[in-house]
Amino acid sequence: MSERVWTVAVIGVLVMARTLAAQPDLLLNCRDQVSVAVNVPAAGIRVQMRGVLNNGNYIIWWDAKMTVSHTLSGFCEASPVTGRISRLETNRADPKEGIRPYRITPDDAERVCQKEARERFSPGNGLLEARFLRHTSTKSTYRVAWEYNLFSRRMRKGRCDIDSSTGTVLKIHVDNGW
């Protein structure tokens, strides 16, 4: 009988501990994510809860004061259970200067260029290599040189210009033919 009482007591304590656990602050998480994404201090961002989606996530509207005359606005989608921000977007009417959702790395740029060159020129079994050109790349555009080698002989070479914020190929150059 005493074992049963202890078991019930332990289960009761565990249930109470779970219900008393701190819940994530969705507004604070959204404000922090927006602050990092648009490079504005958290004090300059106003957030407010707006509604619930069918999947149970909350929508949080935000306004970030960029400069004296410009305010950027948008929304966050946040999970109430984990506090994780699953989506962060600006309003469609705002200019594209605000959020850059990610910035690709030079390694990612090499892979994007390799894939694009392979798709365009169908090198078959040859080895297609790509390397990041650090000295000719800019903050907004990465340049990557690529070569298609077959049997230790260069068959074709060129370079890719890649948007560093989206990872899309802006232009692909070919230096020589077959």
Protein backbone atom coordinates (compact mmCIF):
# COMPACT_ATOMS: atom_id res chain seq x y z
CA MET A 1 0.00 0.00 0.00
CA SER A 2 2.80 2.43 0.84
CA GLU A 3 4.49 1.73 -2.52
CA ARG A 4 1.29 2.70 -4.25
CA VAL A 5 1.08 5.95 -2.30
CA TRP A 6 4.70 6.78 -3.17
CA THR A 7 4.08 6.01 -6.85
CA VAL A 8 1.01 8.26 -6.92
CA ALA A 9 2.91 10.99 -5.07
CA VAL A 10 5.86 10.81 -7.51
CA ILE A 11 3.52 10.94 -10.50
CA GLY A 12 1.70 13.89 -8.93
CA VAL A 13 4.96 15.78 -8.38
CA LEU A 14 6.06 15.12 -11.99
CA VAL A 15 2.72 16.34 -13.35
CA MET A 16 2.91 19.47 -11.20
CA ALA A 17 6.49 20.14 -12.32
CA ARG A 18 5.44 19.94 -15.96
CA THR A 19 2.51 22.32 -15.53
CA LEU A 20 4.61 24.79 -13.54
CA ALA A 21 7.42 24.83 -16.14
CA ALA A 22 8.10 28.21 -17.69
CA GLN A 23 6.35 28.77 -20.99
CA PRO A 24 8.33 30.31 -23.87
CA ASP A 25 7.88 34.05 -24.47
CA LEU A 26 6.79 34.19 -28.12
CA LEU A 27 6.83 37.99 -28.35
CA LEU A 28 10.40 38.17 -27.04
CA ASN A 29 11.55 35.40 -29.41
CA CYS A 30 9.96 37.16 -32.39
CA ARG A 31 11.48 40.52 -31.39
CA ASP A 32 14.93 38.91 -31.09
CA GLN A 33 14.67 37.22 -34.50
CA VAL A 34 13.51 40.44 -36.19
CA SER A 35 16.28 42.41 -34.49
CA VAL A 36 18.92 40.10 -35.94
CA ALA A 37 17.29 39.86 -39.39
CA VAL A 38 16.84 43.58 -40.02
CA ASN A 39 19.78 44.83 -37.91
CA VAL A 40 17.69 47.06 -35.63
CA PRO A 41 17.97 47.20 -31.82
CA ALA A 42 15.22 45.24 -30.06
CA ALA A 43 14.04 48.47 -28.40
CA GLY A 44 13.05 49.80 -31.85
CA ILE A 45 10.74 46.85 -32.61
CA ARG A 46 7.07 46.72 -31.60
CA VAL A 47 5.36 43.31 -31.53
CA GLN A 48 1.80 42.21 -30.85
CA MET A 49 -0.08 38.91 -30.91
CA ARG A 50 -2.59 38.76 -33.79
CA GLY A 51 -4.11 35.29 -34.05
CA VAL A 52 -3.80 31.52 -34.27
CA LEU A 53 -3.38 29.34 -37.37
CA ASN A 54 -5.04 25.96 -37.98
CA ASN A 55 -1.84 24.15 -36.94
CA GLY A 56 -1.86 25.87 -33.51
CA ASN A 57 0.95 28.32 -34.23
CA TYR A 58 0.54 31.99 -33.35
CA ILE A 59 0.89 34.93 -35.73
CA ILE A 60 2.76 37.92 -34.29
CA TRP A 61 2.81 41.26 -36.14
CA TRP A 62 5.94 43.39 -35.85
CA ASP A 63 7.05 46.91 -36.82
CA ALA A 64 10.72 47.85 -36.87
CA LYS A 65 11.78 51.49 -36.94
CA MET A 66 14.65 51.41 -39.46
CA THR A 67 15.36 55.16 -39.74
CA VAL A 68 13.51 58.33 -38.84
CA SER A 69 11.36 58.10 -41.97
CA HIS A 70 11.23 54.35 -42.67
CA THR A 71 9.43 51.57 -40.82
CA LEU A 72 9.60 47.94 -41.90
CA SER A 73 6.75 45.64 -40.88
CA GLY A 74 5.91 41.97 -41.13
CA PHE A 75 4.96 38.91 -39.12
CA CYS A 76 6.39 35.91 -37.28
CA GLU A 77 4.82 32.47 -37.03
CA ALA A 78 5.68 30.93 -33.65
CA SER A 79 5.01 27.59 -31.99
CA PRO A 80 3.43 28.07 -28.53
CA VAL A 81 4.85 24.76 -27.28
CA THR A 82 8.53 25.22 -28.15
CA GLY A 83 8.67 28.98 -28.67
CA ARG A 84 10.44 28.39 -32.00
CA ILE A 85 9.91 30.95 -34.77
CA SER A 86 9.06 28.88 -37.85
CA ARG A 87 8.52 31.77 -40.28
CA LEU A 88 9.61 35.40 -40.42
CA GLU A 89 8.42 37.59 -43.28
CA THR A 90 8.03 41.23 -44.24
CA ASN A 91 4.88 42.72 -45.71
CA ARG A 92 4.73 42.50 -49.49
CA ALA A 93 4.45 46.28 -49.86
CA ASP A 94 7.78 46.86 -48.10
CA PRO A 95 10.94 47.14 -50.21
CA LYS A 96 13.27 44.15 -50.42
CA GLU A 97 16.02 45.94 -48.50
CA GLY A 98 14.85 44.63 -45.13
CA ILE A 99 15.19 40.95 -44.36
CA ARG A 100 17.87 38.77 -45.83
CA PRO A 101 16.71 35.38 -44.59
CA TYR A 102 20.17 33.87 -44.92
CA ARG A 103 23.57 34.50 -46.42
CA ILE A 104 25.20 31.58 -48.19
CA THR A 105 28.76 30.57 -47.43
CA PRO A 106 31.54 30.37 -50.04
CA ASP A 107 31.32 26.56 -49.84
CA ASP A 108 27.62 26.73 -50.67
CA ALA A 109 28.41 29.04 -53.58
CA GLU A 110 30.90 26.47 -54.93
CA ARG A 111 28.26 23.73 -54.78
CA VAL A 112 25.66 25.95 -56.49
CA CYS A 113 28.10 26.80 -59.30
CA GLN A 114 29.15 23.16 -59.72
CA LYS A 115 25.55 22.04 -60.00
CA GLU A 116 24.63 24.79 -62.46
CA ALA A 117 27.66 24.15 -64.71
CA ARG A 118 26.98 20.41 -64.67
CA GLU A 119 23.32 20.97 -65.63
CA ARG A 120 24.13 23.40 -68.44
CA PHE A 121 27.10 21.67 -70.02
CA SER A 122 26.34 18.02 -69.18
CA PRO A 123 29.92 16.93 -68.63
CA GLY A 124 29.05 13.26 -68.17
CA ASN A 125 31.82 11.35 -66.41
CA GLY A 126 34.35 14.19 -66.24
CA LEU A 127 35.35 15.86 -63.01
CA LEU A 128 33.83 19.28 -62.53
CA GLU A 129 35.64 21.38 -59.94
CA ALA A 130 34.66 24.75 -58.50
CA ARG A 131 36.62 27.17 -56.32
CA PHE A 132 35.62 30.41 -54.65
CA LEU A 133 37.36 33.54 -56.00
CA ARG A 134 37.93 35.54 -52.82
CA HIS A 135 39.60 38.58 -54.42
CA THR A 136 36.98 39.23 -57.11
CA SER A 137 33.88 38.50 -55.02
CA THR A 138 31.91 41.32 -53.44
CA LYS A 139 29.56 41.42 -50.45
CA SER A 140 26.49 40.99 -52.65
CA THR A 141 27.92 38.75 -55.40
CA TYR A 142 30.16 35.72 -55.04
CA ARG A 143 32.35 34.69 -57.96
CA VAL A 144 33.25 31.05 -58.36
CA ALA A 145 35.55 29.60 -61.03
CA TRP A 146 34.73 26.17 -62.44
CA GLU A 147 36.61 23.69 -64.64
CA TYR A 148 35.52 20.55 -66.43
CA ASN A 149 38.40 18.08 -66.65
CA LEU A 150 38.32 14.80 -68.55
CA PHE A 151 41.29 12.39 -68.47
CA SER A 152 43.53 15.05 -66.83
CA ARG A 153 42.77 17.49 -69.62
CA ARG A 154 40.79 20.71 -69.24
CA MET A 155 37.79 20.53 -71.56
CA ARG A 156 35.94 23.67 -70.54
CA LYS A 157 36.19 26.35 -67.88
CA GLY A 158 34.34 29.45 -66.75
CA ARG A 159 32.91 31.25 -63.76
CA CYS A 160 29.59 31.84 -62.02
CA ASP A 161 28.27 35.03 -60.46
CA ILE A 162 26.07 34.06 -57.50
CA ASP A 163 23.83 36.29 -55.36
CA SER A 164 25.26 35.91 -51.85
CA SER A 165 21.92 36.39 -50.09
CA THR A 166 19.72 34.02 -52.09
CA GLY A 167 22.17 31.57 -53.67
CA THR A 168 20.78 32.04 -57.17
CA VAL A 169 23.07 32.09 -60.20
CA LEU A 170 23.03 35.57 -61.71
CA LYS A 171 25.28 34.79 -64.67
CA ILE A 172 27.41 31.90 -65.86
CA HIS A 173 30.43 32.59 -68.07
CA VAL A 174 32.25 30.14 -70.35
CA ASP A 175 35.88 30.92 -71.23
CA ASN A 176 36.57 28.35 -73.97
CA GLY A 177 34.73 25.69 -75.94
CA TRP A 178 35.41 22.06 -76.69
